[in-house]
Amino acid sequence: MTRRFNVYYTCQHCGKQTTAETGFGRWMRGRDELDSGKGIVRTDTDHTVLRYITHMQGRDFQLIMDVEVKEFGKEPDPSQADILFFKHQIATRTGINMHKSGTVFTHKLQSKYSAKKVSVRYCGLHLLQFEKTNPADSEWIKWNHRKITENTLIELLQFKRNPEQPRRPMIEFLRDRHMQVSLFNKLPLIFGGGDVSE
């Protein structure tokens, strides 16, 4: 049986919570032939974030990640968690390079916007939780169950930090490891830096 819709948004003026279901969502929920009892489960992804970056070594990247947001410290329910984890595993292809080190796969994909092939690196699907509803009204923020600061969250959304390893600058994972090390040592300052010690 399809569960009662339980995703809400909070009014920033009065604090009242209202269901956030779309018209299509209500329609799908009302169709017996699409009931979860028949094995059909649906969920949405809250935010997809994309940033175009030109690395100092001259390579262009489109970085993309999905962010599932939960207010009031809520967790995804088991079926949503499974769907999100399946999507994460499908999209985050990794490989082994000639030096037997793990590498993140860069996809060459066609862009409708630029009408050319672009290098796209998917940076995963991540869980963002707030003690209340957002950084401004929350005592704590969690990224994949680890507490972070508002500044760290901003840098994650800017792709200044690696979403998989927030303590490390993203630029480290875009460099050509065959280029000179002295060039790489200058990259974090040129990229914008920021405190990556957290």
N, C-alpha and C. Protein backbone atom coordinates (compact mmCIF):
# COMPACT_ATOMS: atom_id res chain seq x y z
N MET A 1 0.84 -1.19 0.00
CA MET A 1 0.00 0.00 0.00
C MET A 1 0.89 1.25 0.00
N THR A 2 0.55 2.21 -0.87
CA THR A 2 1.32 3.44 -0.94
C THR A 2 1.17 4.23 0.36
N ARG A 3 2.31 4.65 0.91
CA ARG A 3 2.29 5.37 2.18
C ARG A 3 1.77 6.79 2.01
N ARG A 4 1.30 7.37 3.10
CA ARG A 4 0.90 8.77 3.12
C ARG A 4 2.10 9.63 2.76
N PHE A 5 1.87 10.66 1.96
CA PHE A 5 2.97 11.54 1.55
C PHE A 5 3.51 12.27 2.77
N ASN A 6 4.82 12.21 2.99
CA ASN A 6 5.37 12.78 4.22
C ASN A 6 6.56 13.69 4.01
N VAL A 7 6.66 14.30 2.81
CA VAL A 7 7.71 15.29 2.59
C VAL A 7 7.09 16.67 2.72
N TYR A 8 7.69 17.50 3.55
CA TYR A 8 7.15 18.82 3.85
C TYR A 8 8.19 19.90 3.59
N TYR A 9 7.71 21.11 3.35
CA TYR A 9 8.60 22.25 3.36
C TYR A 9 8.11 23.19 4.44
N THR A 10 9.03 23.99 4.99
CA THR A 10 8.70 24.88 6.10
C THR A 10 8.63 26.31 5.60
N CYS A 11 7.53 26.99 5.87
CA CYS A 11 7.37 28.40 5.50
C CYS A 11 8.39 29.23 6.26
N GLN A 12 9.16 30.05 5.53
CA GLN A 12 10.19 30.86 6.19
C GLN A 12 9.59 32.01 6.98
N HIS A 13 8.33 32.33 6.77
CA HIS A 13 7.70 33.45 7.48
C HIS A 13 6.98 33.01 8.76
N CYS A 14 6.18 31.93 8.65
CA CYS A 14 5.37 31.53 9.81
C CYS A 14 5.84 30.23 10.47
N GLY A 15 6.72 29.48 9.79
CA GLY A 15 7.22 28.23 10.35
C GLY A 15 6.32 27.05 10.15
N LYS A 16 5.16 27.25 9.51
CA LYS A 16 4.22 26.15 9.28
C LYS A 16 4.77 25.20 8.23
N GLN A 17 4.54 23.90 8.44
CA GLN A 17 4.97 22.90 7.48
C GLN A 17 3.80 22.51 6.57
N THR A 18 4.09 22.44 5.28
CA THR A 18 3.09 22.08 4.28
C THR A 18 3.66 20.99 3.40
N THR A 19 2.81 20.09 2.92
CA THR A 19 3.30 19.03 2.04
C THR A 19 3.88 19.64 0.77
N ALA A 20 4.91 18.99 0.28
CA ALA A 20 5.62 19.49 -0.91
C ALA A 20 5.35 18.63 -2.13
N GLU A 21 4.27 17.88 -2.13
CA GLU A 21 3.98 16.98 -3.25
C GLU A 21 3.50 17.76 -4.46
N THR A 22 3.95 17.35 -5.64
CA THR A 22 3.52 17.98 -6.89
C THR A 22 2.20 17.37 -7.35
N GLY A 23 1.58 18.01 -8.35
CA GLY A 23 0.36 17.47 -8.92
C GLY A 23 0.57 16.09 -9.51
N PHE A 24 1.70 15.90 -10.19
CA PHE A 24 2.01 14.58 -10.75
C PHE A 24 2.18 13.55 -9.65
N GLY A 25 2.85 13.96 -8.56
CA GLY A 25 3.03 13.05 -7.43
C GLY A 25 1.71 12.60 -6.84
N ARG A 26 0.78 13.56 -6.68
CA ARG A 26 -0.55 13.21 -6.16
C ARG A 26 -1.29 12.28 -7.12
N TRP A 27 -1.16 12.56 -8.42
CA TRP A 27 -1.81 11.71 -9.43
C TRP A 27 -1.26 10.28 -9.34
N MET A 28 0.08 10.16 -9.29
CA MET A 28 0.69 8.84 -9.24
C MET A 28 0.28 8.10 -7.97
N ARG A 29 0.24 8.84 -6.85
CA ARG A 29 -0.14 8.23 -5.58
C ARG A 29 -1.58 7.72 -5.61
N GLY A 30 -2.42 8.37 -6.40
CA GLY A 30 -3.83 8.00 -6.46
C GLY A 30 -4.15 6.86 -7.42
N ARG A 31 -3.17 6.39 -8.17
CA ARG A 31 -3.42 5.32 -9.15
C ARG A 31 -3.14 3.96 -8.52
N ASP A 32 -4.20 3.13 -8.44
CA ASP A 32 -4.05 1.80 -7.84
C ASP A 32 -3.01 0.96 -8.58
N GLU A 33 -2.96 1.10 -9.91
CA GLU A 33 -2.03 0.28 -10.68
C GLU A 33 -0.58 0.68 -10.48
N LEU A 34 -0.34 1.84 -9.83
CA LEU A 34 1.03 2.30 -9.54
C LEU A 34 1.33 2.24 -8.05
N ASP A 35 0.56 1.48 -7.31
CA ASP A 35 0.69 1.36 -5.86
C ASP A 35 2.00 0.64 -5.50
N SER A 36 2.60 1.05 -4.39
CA SER A 36 3.85 0.41 -3.96
C SER A 36 3.65 -1.06 -3.63
N GLY A 37 2.42 -1.44 -3.32
CA GLY A 37 2.13 -2.86 -3.08
C GLY A 37 2.35 -3.72 -4.32
N LYS A 38 2.40 -3.06 -5.48
CA LYS A 38 2.68 -3.77 -6.74
C LYS A 38 4.17 -3.70 -7.09
N GLY A 39 4.98 -3.25 -6.12
CA GLY A 39 6.43 -3.23 -6.33
C GLY A 39 6.97 -1.96 -6.95
N ILE A 40 6.15 -0.93 -7.06
CA ILE A 40 6.59 0.33 -7.66
C ILE A 40 6.86 1.34 -6.55
N VAL A 41 8.10 1.75 -6.43
CA VAL A 41 8.50 2.70 -5.39
C VAL A 41 9.06 3.92 -6.10
N ARG A 42 8.73 5.10 -5.62
CA ARG A 42 9.26 6.31 -6.24
C ARG A 42 9.84 7.24 -5.18
N THR A 43 10.81 8.00 -5.59
CA THR A 43 11.38 9.04 -4.75
C THR A 43 11.89 10.13 -5.66
N ASP A 44 12.28 11.25 -5.09
CA ASP A 44 12.86 12.31 -5.91
C ASP A 44 14.25 12.62 -5.39
N THR A 45 14.99 13.40 -6.17
CA THR A 45 16.29 13.90 -5.72
C THR A 45 16.10 15.39 -5.51
N ASP A 46 16.47 15.87 -4.34
CA ASP A 46 16.18 17.26 -4.00
C ASP A 46 16.93 18.27 -4.86
N HIS A 47 18.24 18.10 -5.00
CA HIS A 47 19.03 19.09 -5.74
C HIS A 47 20.12 18.41 -6.55
N THR A 48 20.29 18.89 -7.77
CA THR A 48 21.44 18.51 -8.59
C THR A 48 22.26 19.77 -8.79
N VAL A 49 23.54 19.71 -8.45
CA VAL A 49 24.42 20.87 -8.51
C VAL A 49 25.48 20.61 -9.57
N LEU A 50 25.71 21.59 -10.44
CA LEU A 50 26.70 21.46 -11.51
C LEU A 50 27.59 22.69 -11.51
N ARG A 51 28.87 22.49 -11.74
CA ARG A 51 29.79 23.62 -11.87
C ARG A 51 30.80 23.33 -12.97
N TYR A 52 31.03 24.34 -13.81
CA TYR A 52 32.06 24.27 -14.83
C TYR A 52 33.35 24.80 -14.24
N ILE A 53 34.42 24.03 -14.38
CA ILE A 53 35.73 24.42 -13.84
C ILE A 53 36.79 24.21 -14.91
N THR A 54 37.64 25.20 -15.07
CA THR A 54 38.84 25.02 -15.89
C THR A 54 40.01 24.86 -14.94
N HIS A 55 40.63 23.70 -14.99
CA HIS A 55 41.78 23.42 -14.14
C HIS A 55 42.98 24.20 -14.65
N MET A 56 43.89 24.58 -13.77
CA MET A 56 45.05 25.36 -14.17
C MET A 56 45.89 24.64 -15.22
N GLN A 57 45.82 23.34 -15.23
CA GLN A 57 46.59 22.59 -16.22
C GLN A 57 45.93 22.62 -17.59
N GLY A 58 44.79 23.31 -17.69
CA GLY A 58 44.18 23.54 -18.99
C GLY A 58 43.00 22.67 -19.34
N ARG A 59 42.64 21.71 -18.47
CA ARG A 59 41.51 20.83 -18.79
C ARG A 59 40.22 21.38 -18.20
N ASP A 60 39.14 21.26 -18.99
CA ASP A 60 37.83 21.72 -18.55
C ASP A 60 37.02 20.55 -18.02
N PHE A 61 36.26 20.81 -16.96
CA PHE A 61 35.40 19.79 -16.37
C PHE A 61 34.02 20.38 -16.09
N GLN A 62 33.01 19.55 -16.24
CA GLN A 62 31.69 19.82 -15.70
C GLN A 62 31.56 18.88 -14.50
N LEU A 63 31.50 19.43 -13.30
CA LEU A 63 31.37 18.63 -12.09
C LEU A 63 29.91 18.62 -11.68
N ILE A 64 29.41 17.46 -11.34
CA ILE A 64 27.99 17.33 -11.01
C ILE A 64 27.81 16.41 -9.81
N MET A 65 26.87 16.78 -8.94
CA MET A 65 26.53 15.91 -7.81
C MET A 65 25.05 16.08 -7.48
N ASP A 66 24.49 15.09 -6.82
CA ASP A 66 23.13 15.15 -6.33
C ASP A 66 23.16 15.27 -4.81
N VAL A 67 22.23 16.07 -4.28
CA VAL A 67 22.17 16.29 -2.83
C VAL A 67 20.75 16.02 -2.35
N GLU A 68 20.63 15.09 -1.43
CA GLU A 68 19.35 14.78 -0.79
C GLU A 68 19.32 15.53 0.54
N VAL A 69 18.33 16.42 0.72
CA VAL A 69 18.26 17.27 1.91
C VAL A 69 17.19 16.75 2.86
N LYS A 70 17.55 16.66 4.13
CA LYS A 70 16.60 16.24 5.17
C LYS A 70 16.59 17.29 6.28
N GLU A 71 15.40 17.84 6.56
CA GLU A 71 15.24 18.79 7.64
C GLU A 71 15.01 18.05 8.96
N PHE A 72 15.27 18.76 10.06
CA PHE A 72 15.05 18.25 11.42
C PHE A 72 15.76 16.92 11.66
N GLY A 73 16.93 16.76 11.05
CA GLY A 73 17.77 15.59 11.28
C GLY A 73 17.19 14.28 10.78
N LYS A 74 16.17 14.34 9.94
CA LYS A 74 15.54 13.10 9.46
C LYS A 74 16.49 12.31 8.57
N GLU A 75 16.22 11.01 8.50
CA GLU A 75 16.98 10.09 7.66
C GLU A 75 16.09 9.65 6.50
N PRO A 76 16.68 9.28 5.36
CA PRO A 76 15.86 8.67 4.30
C PRO A 76 15.24 7.37 4.83
N ASP A 77 14.01 7.09 4.40
CA ASP A 77 13.43 5.81 4.81
C ASP A 77 14.16 4.69 4.06
N PRO A 78 14.01 3.44 4.49
CA PRO A 78 14.80 2.35 3.90
C PRO A 78 14.67 2.23 2.38
N SER A 79 13.47 2.40 1.82
CA SER A 79 13.34 2.26 0.37
C SER A 79 14.00 3.42 -0.36
N GLN A 80 13.87 4.64 0.18
CA GLN A 80 14.54 5.78 -0.46
C GLN A 80 16.05 5.64 -0.35
N ALA A 81 16.53 5.22 0.80
CA ALA A 81 17.97 5.04 0.98
C ALA A 81 18.51 4.03 -0.03
N ASP A 82 17.76 2.96 -0.27
CA ASP A 82 18.20 1.95 -1.23
C ASP A 82 18.25 2.52 -2.64
N ILE A 83 17.20 3.26 -3.03
CA ILE A 83 17.17 3.88 -4.37
C ILE A 83 18.34 4.84 -4.54
N LEU A 84 18.56 5.69 -3.55
CA LEU A 84 19.65 6.66 -3.63
C LEU A 84 21.01 5.97 -3.72
N PHE A 85 21.18 4.89 -2.96
CA PHE A 85 22.45 4.17 -2.98
C PHE A 85 22.65 3.46 -4.32
N PHE A 86 21.57 2.92 -4.90
CA PHE A 86 21.69 2.32 -6.24
C PHE A 86 22.15 3.37 -7.24
N LYS A 87 21.51 4.55 -7.22
CA LYS A 87 21.87 5.62 -8.16
C LYS A 87 23.33 6.04 -7.98
N HIS A 88 23.73 6.14 -6.73
CA HIS A 88 25.12 6.54 -6.44
C HIS A 88 26.11 5.53 -7.03
N GLN A 89 25.82 4.24 -6.83
CA GLN A 89 26.72 3.20 -7.34
C GLN A 89 26.76 3.15 -8.86
N ILE A 90 25.61 3.36 -9.50
CA ILE A 90 25.56 3.35 -10.96
C ILE A 90 26.37 4.50 -11.53
N ALA A 91 26.23 5.67 -10.93
CA ALA A 91 26.81 6.89 -11.50
C ALA A 91 28.28 7.09 -11.15
N THR A 92 28.75 6.55 -10.04
CA THR A 92 30.15 6.80 -9.64
C THR A 92 31.03 5.66 -10.10
N ARG A 93 31.35 5.69 -11.37
CA ARG A 93 32.23 4.67 -11.92
C ARG A 93 33.67 4.98 -11.55
N THR A 94 34.35 3.98 -11.07
CA THR A 94 35.77 4.15 -10.76
C THR A 94 36.56 3.08 -11.51
N GLY A 95 37.85 3.29 -11.60
CA GLY A 95 38.69 2.33 -12.28
C GLY A 95 40.06 2.27 -11.64
N ILE A 96 40.94 1.52 -12.26
CA ILE A 96 42.33 1.39 -11.80
C ILE A 96 43.22 1.89 -12.93
N ASN A 97 44.12 2.82 -12.59
CA ASN A 97 45.01 3.33 -13.64
C ASN A 97 46.24 2.43 -13.80
N MET A 98 47.15 2.84 -14.69
CA MET A 98 48.32 2.02 -14.99
C MET A 98 49.26 1.85 -13.80
N HIS A 99 49.10 2.68 -12.78
CA HIS A 99 49.93 2.59 -11.57
C HIS A 99 49.22 1.83 -10.46
N LYS A 100 48.09 1.17 -10.81
CA LYS A 100 47.29 0.38 -9.87
C LYS A 100 46.63 1.24 -8.79
N SER A 101 46.42 2.51 -9.09
CA SER A 101 45.73 3.41 -8.16
C SER A 101 44.28 3.58 -8.60
N GLY A 102 43.39 3.78 -7.62
CA GLY A 102 41.99 4.02 -7.94
C GLY A 102 41.80 5.38 -8.58
N THR A 103 40.96 5.44 -9.60
CA THR A 103 40.67 6.69 -10.28
C THR A 103 39.16 6.85 -10.45
N VAL A 104 38.72 8.10 -10.51
CA VAL A 104 37.32 8.41 -10.79
C VAL A 104 37.19 8.56 -12.29
N PHE A 105 36.17 7.93 -12.86
CA PHE A 105 35.99 7.93 -14.30
C PHE A 105 35.45 9.29 -14.77
N THR A 106 36.06 9.84 -15.80
CA THR A 106 35.57 11.07 -16.42
C THR A 106 34.85 10.68 -17.70
N HIS A 107 33.58 11.08 -17.81
CA HIS A 107 32.76 10.74 -18.97
C HIS A 107 32.88 11.85 -20.02
N LYS A 108 33.00 11.49 -21.28
CA LYS A 108 32.93 12.44 -22.38
C LYS A 108 31.49 12.41 -22.88
N LEU A 109 30.73 13.46 -22.59
CA LEU A 109 29.31 13.49 -22.90
C LEU A 109 28.97 14.68 -23.79
N GLN A 110 27.93 14.52 -24.58
CA GLN A 110 27.49 15.59 -25.46
C GLN A 110 26.69 16.62 -24.66
N SER A 111 27.04 17.89 -24.82
CA SER A 111 26.33 18.98 -24.16
C SER A 111 25.37 19.62 -25.15
N LYS A 112 24.09 19.73 -24.77
CA LYS A 112 23.13 20.44 -25.62
C LYS A 112 23.42 21.93 -25.60
N TYR A 113 23.88 22.43 -24.47
CA TYR A 113 24.13 23.86 -24.32
C TYR A 113 25.27 24.33 -25.22
N SER A 114 26.40 23.61 -25.18
CA SER A 114 27.56 24.04 -25.97
C SER A 114 27.68 23.33 -27.31
N ALA A 115 26.83 22.31 -27.53
CA ALA A 115 26.84 21.53 -28.79
C ALA A 115 28.20 20.89 -29.05
N LYS A 116 28.85 20.43 -27.98
CA LYS A 116 30.12 19.72 -28.15
C LYS A 116 30.28 18.72 -27.02
N LYS A 117 31.27 17.85 -27.14
CA LYS A 117 31.57 16.88 -26.08
C LYS A 117 32.28 17.59 -24.94
N VAL A 118 31.87 17.27 -23.71
CA VAL A 118 32.49 17.87 -22.53
C VAL A 118 32.90 16.77 -21.57
N SER A 119 33.87 17.07 -20.72
CA SER A 119 34.33 16.12 -19.71
C SER A 119 33.48 16.29 -18.46
N VAL A 120 32.71 15.26 -18.12
CA VAL A 120 31.81 15.32 -16.97
C VAL A 120 32.29 14.34 -15.92
N ARG A 121 32.45 14.84 -14.72
CA ARG A 121 32.83 13.98 -13.62
C ARG A 121 31.71 14.03 -12.57
N TYR A 122 31.10 12.87 -12.33
CA TYR A 122 30.02 12.78 -11.34
C TYR A 122 30.63 12.60 -9.97
N CYS A 123 30.24 13.45 -9.05
CA CYS A 123 30.83 13.47 -7.71
C CYS A 123 29.93 12.85 -6.65
N GLY A 124 28.97 12.06 -7.06
CA GLY A 124 28.19 11.27 -6.11
C GLY A 124 26.88 11.89 -5.68
N LEU A 125 26.17 11.12 -4.88
CA LEU A 125 24.91 11.53 -4.28
C LEU A 125 25.13 11.62 -2.78
N HIS A 126 24.80 12.77 -2.21
CA HIS A 126 25.18 13.04 -0.82
C HIS A 126 23.97 13.44 0.02
N LEU A 127 24.02 13.08 1.30
CA LEU A 127 22.96 13.40 2.25
C LEU A 127 23.34 14.64 3.03
N LEU A 128 22.48 15.65 2.97
CA LEU A 128 22.66 16.90 3.71
C LEU A 128 21.53 17.01 4.73
N GLN A 129 21.89 17.10 6.01
CA GLN A 129 20.89 17.17 7.08
C GLN A 129 21.07 18.46 7.88
N PHE A 130 19.93 19.02 8.28
CA PHE A 130 19.93 20.20 9.13
C PHE A 130 19.25 19.88 10.45
N GLU A 131 19.73 20.51 11.52
CA GLU A 131 19.06 20.36 12.81
C GLU A 131 17.62 20.86 12.71
N LYS A 132 17.43 21.96 11.96
CA LYS A 132 16.07 22.47 11.69
C LYS A 132 15.83 22.44 10.18
N THR A 133 15.89 23.62 9.52
CA THR A 133 15.51 23.64 8.10
C THR A 133 16.61 24.09 7.14
N ASN A 134 17.61 24.81 7.63
CA ASN A 134 18.67 25.35 6.76
C ASN A 134 19.83 25.83 7.63
N PRO A 135 20.94 26.26 7.02
CA PRO A 135 22.09 26.68 7.84
C PRO A 135 21.79 27.84 8.79
N ALA A 136 20.87 28.72 8.41
CA ALA A 136 20.62 29.91 9.23
C ALA A 136 19.90 29.61 10.53
N ASP A 137 19.06 28.57 10.57
CA ASP A 137 18.29 28.31 11.79
C ASP A 137 18.73 27.03 12.52
N SER A 138 19.82 26.44 12.09
CA SER A 138 20.24 25.16 12.66
C SER A 138 21.49 25.30 13.51
N GLU A 139 21.51 24.55 14.62
CA GLU A 139 22.70 24.49 15.47
C GLU A 139 23.78 23.64 14.82
N TRP A 140 23.35 22.67 14.00
CA TRP A 140 24.33 21.81 13.33
C TRP A 140 23.89 21.49 11.91
N ILE A 141 24.89 21.17 11.08
CA ILE A 141 24.70 20.74 9.69
C ILE A 141 25.50 19.45 9.54
N LYS A 142 24.95 18.48 8.86
CA LYS A 142 25.69 17.24 8.61
C LYS A 142 25.74 16.95 7.11
N TRP A 143 26.91 16.53 6.67
CA TRP A 143 27.14 16.10 5.28
C TRP A 143 27.52 14.63 5.36
N ASN A 144 26.68 13.77 4.81
CA ASN A 144 26.91 12.33 4.90
C ASN A 144 27.17 11.90 6.35
N HIS A 145 26.33 12.41 7.26
CA HIS A 145 26.33 12.09 8.69
C HIS A 145 27.50 12.67 9.48
N ARG A 146 28.29 13.55 8.87
CA ARG A 146 29.40 14.17 9.60
C ARG A 146 29.14 15.66 9.74
N LYS A 147 29.35 16.20 10.93
CA LYS A 147 29.09 17.62 11.16
C LYS A 147 30.07 18.48 10.36
N ILE A 148 29.51 19.53 9.75
CA ILE A 148 30.31 20.49 9.01
C ILE A 148 29.84 21.89 9.38
N THR A 149 30.59 22.91 8.98
CA THR A 149 30.20 24.30 9.19
C THR A 149 29.46 24.81 7.96
N GLU A 150 28.82 25.95 8.11
CA GLU A 150 28.14 26.58 6.97
C GLU A 150 29.14 26.92 5.87
N ASN A 151 30.33 27.39 6.26
CA ASN A 151 31.35 27.73 5.27
C ASN A 151 31.79 26.49 4.49
N THR A 152 31.92 25.36 5.19
CA THR A 152 32.28 24.12 4.51
C THR A 152 31.19 23.72 3.53
N LEU A 153 29.92 23.88 3.93
CA LEU A 153 28.82 23.56 3.03
C LEU A 153 28.89 24.41 1.76
N ILE A 154 29.14 25.69 1.93
CA ILE A 154 29.26 26.58 0.77
C ILE A 154 30.37 26.09 -0.15
N GLU A 155 31.52 25.74 0.42
CA GLU A 155 32.65 25.28 -0.40
C GLU A 155 32.36 23.94 -1.06
N LEU A 156 31.58 23.08 -0.41
CA LEU A 156 31.17 21.83 -1.05
C LEU A 156 30.27 22.11 -2.25
N LEU A 157 29.33 23.02 -2.09
CA LEU A 157 28.41 23.36 -3.18
C LEU A 157 29.11 24.11 -4.31
N GLN A 158 30.24 24.74 -4.00
CA GLN A 158 31.07 25.41 -5.01
C GLN A 158 32.05 24.45 -5.67
N PHE A 159 32.11 23.22 -5.18
CA PHE A 159 33.09 22.22 -5.60
C PHE A 159 34.52 22.67 -5.29
N LYS A 160 34.69 23.49 -4.28
CA LYS A 160 36.04 23.81 -3.82
C LYS A 160 36.59 22.67 -2.97
N ARG A 161 35.68 21.91 -2.34
CA ARG A 161 36.05 20.71 -1.58
C ARG A 161 35.49 19.49 -2.28
N ASN A 162 36.18 18.38 -2.10
CA ASN A 162 35.73 17.12 -2.69
C ASN A 162 34.52 16.63 -1.90
N PRO A 163 33.35 16.47 -2.54
CA PRO A 163 32.16 16.03 -1.80
C PRO A 163 32.33 14.67 -1.13
N GLU A 164 33.19 13.81 -1.69
CA GLU A 164 33.42 12.49 -1.08
C GLU A 164 34.37 12.58 0.11
N GLN A 165 35.28 13.56 0.08
CA GLN A 165 36.26 13.74 1.15
C GLN A 165 36.35 15.23 1.46
N PRO A 166 35.41 15.79 2.21
CA PRO A 166 35.31 17.24 2.41
C PRO A 166 36.55 17.92 2.98
N ARG A 167 37.44 17.18 3.59
CA ARG A 167 38.66 17.80 4.12
C ARG A 167 39.66 18.14 3.02
N ARG A 168 39.45 17.61 1.82
CA ARG A 168 40.43 17.78 0.75
C ARG A 168 39.91 18.70 -0.35
N PRO A 169 40.79 19.52 -0.92
CA PRO A 169 40.36 20.39 -2.01
C PRO A 169 40.01 19.59 -3.26
N MET A 170 38.94 19.99 -3.92
CA MET A 170 38.49 19.28 -5.12
C MET A 170 39.54 19.31 -6.22
N ILE A 171 40.27 20.39 -6.29
CA ILE A 171 41.24 20.58 -7.37
C ILE A 171 42.27 19.45 -7.43
N GLU A 172 42.55 18.82 -6.26
CA GLU A 172 43.48 17.69 -6.22
C GLU A 172 43.03 16.54 -7.11
N PHE A 173 41.72 16.38 -7.24
CA PHE A 173 41.18 15.24 -7.96
C PHE A 173 40.96 15.51 -9.43
N LEU A 174 41.33 16.70 -9.88
CA LEU A 174 41.17 17.06 -11.29
C LEU A 174 42.51 17.19 -12.00
N ARG A 175 43.58 17.20 -11.25
CA ARG A 175 44.88 17.45 -11.87
C ARG A 175 45.37 16.26 -12.66
N ASP A 176 46.23 16.54 -13.61
CA ASP A 176 46.91 15.49 -14.36
C ASP A 176 48.12 15.10 -13.54
N ARG A 177 48.12 13.88 -13.03
CA ARG A 177 49.18 13.46 -12.12
C ARG A 177 50.53 13.27 -12.81
N HIS A 178 50.55 13.39 -14.12
CA HIS A 178 51.82 13.30 -14.84
C HIS A 178 52.47 14.67 -15.02
N MET A 179 51.74 15.76 -14.65
CA MET A 179 52.30 17.10 -14.75
C MET A 179 53.28 17.32 -13.60
N GLN A 180 54.04 18.39 -13.69
CA GLN A 180 55.05 18.66 -12.67
C GLN A 180 54.40 18.91 -11.31
N VAL A 181 55.00 18.37 -10.27
CA VAL A 181 54.49 18.55 -8.91
C VAL A 181 54.55 20.02 -8.52
N SER A 182 55.56 20.76 -8.96
CA SER A 182 55.70 22.16 -8.57
C SER A 182 54.50 22.98 -9.05
N LEU A 183 53.93 22.62 -10.21
CA LEU A 183 52.75 23.31 -10.71
C LEU A 183 51.57 23.01 -9.80
N PHE A 184 51.40 21.77 -9.41
CA PHE A 184 50.28 21.38 -8.57
C PHE A 184 50.31 22.10 -7.22
N ASN A 185 51.50 22.31 -6.69
CA ASN A 185 51.60 22.95 -5.38
C ASN A 185 51.00 24.35 -5.36
N LYS A 186 50.88 25.00 -6.51
CA LYS A 186 50.32 26.34 -6.58
C LYS A 186 48.80 26.33 -6.76
N LEU A 187 48.22 25.20 -7.10
CA LEU A 187 46.82 25.15 -7.50
C LEU A 187 45.82 25.57 -6.42
N PRO A 188 45.93 25.11 -5.18
CA PRO A 188 44.90 25.49 -4.21
C PRO A 188 44.79 27.00 -4.01
N LEU A 189 45.91 27.72 -4.07
CA LEU A 189 45.88 29.18 -3.90
C LEU A 189 45.18 29.83 -5.08
N ILE A 190 45.45 29.36 -6.28
CA ILE A 190 44.84 29.94 -7.48
C ILE A 190 43.36 29.61 -7.51
N PHE A 191 42.99 28.44 -7.05
CA PHE A 191 41.60 28.01 -7.10
C PHE A 191 40.73 28.77 -6.14
N GLY A 192 41.29 29.34 -5.12
CA GLY A 192 40.48 30.09 -4.17
C GLY A 192 40.73 29.69 -2.74
N GLY A 193 41.46 28.61 -2.56
CA GLY A 193 41.87 28.20 -1.22
C GLY A 193 40.70 27.90 -0.32
N GLY A 194 40.71 28.52 0.84
CA GLY A 194 39.69 28.19 1.86
C GLY A 194 40.29 27.21 2.84
N ASP A 195 39.77 27.19 4.03
CA ASP A 195 40.25 26.29 5.07
C ASP A 195 39.80 24.87 4.77
N VAL A 196 40.74 24.00 4.50
CA VAL A 196 40.40 22.61 4.20
C VAL A 196 40.85 21.69 5.32
N SER A 197 41.07 22.26 6.49
CA SER A 197 41.57 21.46 7.61
C SER A 197 40.45 20.78 8.38
N GLU A 198 39.19 21.17 8.12
CA GLU A 198 38.10 20.61 8.91
C GLU A 198 37.85 19.15 8.62
